[in-house]
Amino acid sequence: MDLIKELNKEALAGDKPKVEIGDTVRMNIRVKEGSRERVQAFEGIVIAKKHGGIEESVTVRRLSYGVGVEKVFPLYSPTIESVQIVRHGIARRAKLYYLRDRVGKAAKLKEKL
């Protein structure tokens, strides 16, 4: 049991920014295509966080050509190259699933100054 705690502590020692619900984030992910590898960016609003510690994952939502796209990212995955917080949003709920029904300006959150 102590071995697992030590491994988790080492993995959590990396410098990942503190991602909160309502934040707009840019996730840079390493994508492998055949023998090549490239970095792809995915920018959107964090609508949910699950678990904690090394198993922590966030759900990021964005509109792509008028279609809502959601991806779940494990924060401590080796495929995630970097996480940048573009802006901090004000959210009064733990899950922002109501944003799925909104379009345009209604889907925006106020910015935390």
Protein backbone atom coordinates (compact mmCIF):
# COMPACT_ATOMS: atom_id res chain seq x y z
CA MET A 1 0.00 0.00 0.00
CA ASP A 2 2.85 2.38 0.80
CA LEU A 3 4.43 1.60 -2.57
CA ILE A 4 1.29 2.79 -4.35
CA LYS A 5 1.23 5.99 -2.29
CA GLU A 6 4.88 6.66 -3.15
CA LEU A 7 4.27 6.14 -6.88
CA ASN A 8 1.26 8.47 -6.76
CA LYS A 9 3.30 11.11 -4.92
CA GLU A 10 6.01 11.01 -7.60
CA ALA A 11 3.46 11.38 -10.41
CA LEU A 12 1.70 14.26 -8.65
CA ALA A 13 5.01 16.12 -8.20
CA GLY A 14 4.81 17.36 -11.82
CA ASP A 15 3.78 20.97 -12.34
CA LYS A 16 0.23 20.90 -13.72
CA PRO A 17 -1.84 24.09 -13.35
CA LYS A 18 -4.85 24.03 -11.03
CA VAL A 19 -7.80 23.53 -13.36
CA GLU A 20 -11.22 24.56 -12.00
CA ILE A 21 -14.77 24.18 -13.27
CA GLY A 22 -15.67 26.99 -15.70
CA ASP A 23 -12.09 27.65 -16.80
CA THR A 24 -11.28 27.86 -20.49
CA VAL A 25 -8.26 25.66 -21.08
CA ARG A 26 -5.99 24.72 -23.98
CA MET A 27 -4.92 21.10 -23.80
CA ASN A 28 -1.93 20.13 -25.95
CA ILE A 29 -2.08 16.40 -26.66
CA ARG A 30 0.49 14.17 -28.33
CA VAL A 31 -1.17 12.29 -31.20
CA LYS A 32 0.53 9.32 -32.82
CA GLU A 33 -0.25 8.70 -36.50
CA GLY A 34 1.61 5.71 -37.82
CA SER A 35 5.30 6.31 -37.18
CA ARG A 36 4.89 10.08 -36.77
CA GLU A 37 3.94 12.05 -33.70
CA ARG A 38 2.47 15.55 -33.50
CA VAL A 39 0.92 17.89 -30.94
CA GLN A 40 -2.75 18.80 -31.29
CA ALA A 41 -4.47 21.55 -29.30
CA PHE A 42 -8.01 21.29 -27.91
CA GLU A 43 -9.45 24.45 -26.36
CA GLY A 44 -12.74 24.60 -24.49
CA ILE A 45 -14.57 25.09 -21.20
CA VAL A 46 -14.11 22.64 -18.33
CA ILE A 47 -17.63 21.41 -17.55
CA ALA A 48 -16.78 18.59 -15.12
CA LYS A 49 -14.02 17.21 -12.91
CA LYS A 50 -13.97 13.66 -11.62
CA HIS A 51 -11.99 11.68 -9.06
CA GLY A 52 -8.87 13.17 -7.54
CA GLY A 53 -5.17 12.69 -7.18
CA ILE A 54 -3.49 10.76 -9.96
CA GLU A 55 -6.85 9.56 -11.37
CA GLU A 56 -8.20 13.10 -11.84
CA SER A 57 -9.92 13.76 -15.15
CA VAL A 58 -11.66 16.77 -16.67
CA THR A 59 -14.34 17.02 -19.33
CA VAL A 60 -13.70 19.83 -21.82
CA ARG A 61 -16.39 21.10 -24.19
CA ARG A 62 -16.13 23.28 -27.26
CA LEU A 63 -18.10 24.06 -30.40
CA SER A 64 -16.52 22.85 -33.62
CA TYR A 65 -18.26 24.01 -36.81
CA GLY A 66 -21.54 24.40 -34.91
CA VAL A 67 -21.36 20.94 -33.31
CA GLY A 68 -20.63 20.47 -29.62
CA VAL A 69 -17.57 18.31 -28.96
CA GLU A 70 -16.66 16.98 -25.52
CA LYS A 71 -13.50 15.13 -24.56
CA VAL A 72 -12.49 13.60 -21.25
CA PHE A 73 -8.81 14.10 -20.42
CA PRO A 74 -6.96 12.33 -17.59
CA LEU A 75 -4.78 15.17 -16.27
CA TYR A 76 -1.78 13.00 -15.41
CA SER A 77 -1.71 11.03 -18.65
CA PRO A 78 1.66 10.88 -20.45
CA THR A 79 -0.07 11.86 -23.72
CA ILE A 80 -0.91 15.32 -22.37
CA GLU A 81 1.99 17.60 -23.14
CA SER A 82 0.74 20.78 -21.48
CA VAL A 83 -2.33 22.46 -20.00
CA GLN A 84 -2.73 26.22 -20.36
CA ILE A 85 -5.47 28.19 -18.65
CA VAL A 86 -6.77 30.77 -21.11
CA ARG A 87 -9.29 32.40 -18.75
CA HIS A 88 -10.92 31.75 -15.40
CA GLY A 89 -14.70 31.52 -15.40
CA ILE A 90 -17.15 31.95 -12.54
CA ALA A 91 -19.18 28.80 -11.92
CA ARG A 92 -21.57 28.21 -9.04
CA ARG A 93 -22.05 24.52 -9.76
CA ALA A 94 -19.81 21.46 -9.74
CA LYS A 95 -21.03 20.22 -13.14
CA LEU A 96 -21.88 22.60 -16.00
CA TYR A 97 -23.93 20.15 -18.06
CA TYR A 98 -26.55 22.85 -18.66
CA LEU A 99 -24.13 24.45 -21.17
CA ARG A 100 -24.94 21.58 -23.58
CA ASP A 101 -28.35 23.11 -24.25
CA ARG A 102 -27.06 26.63 -24.84
CA VAL A 103 -25.63 28.21 -27.97
CA GLY A 104 -23.70 31.42 -28.64
CA LYS A 105 -23.50 34.08 -25.92
CA ALA A 106 -25.77 32.10 -23.61
CA ALA A 107 -23.07 29.40 -23.38
CA LYS A 108 -20.44 31.83 -22.08
CA LEU A 109 -19.48 32.23 -18.44
CA LYS A 110 -18.50 35.43 -16.69
CA GLU A 111 -14.78 35.89 -16.25
CA LYS A 112 -13.12 35.93 -12.86
CA LEU A 113 -10.98 39.04 -12.56
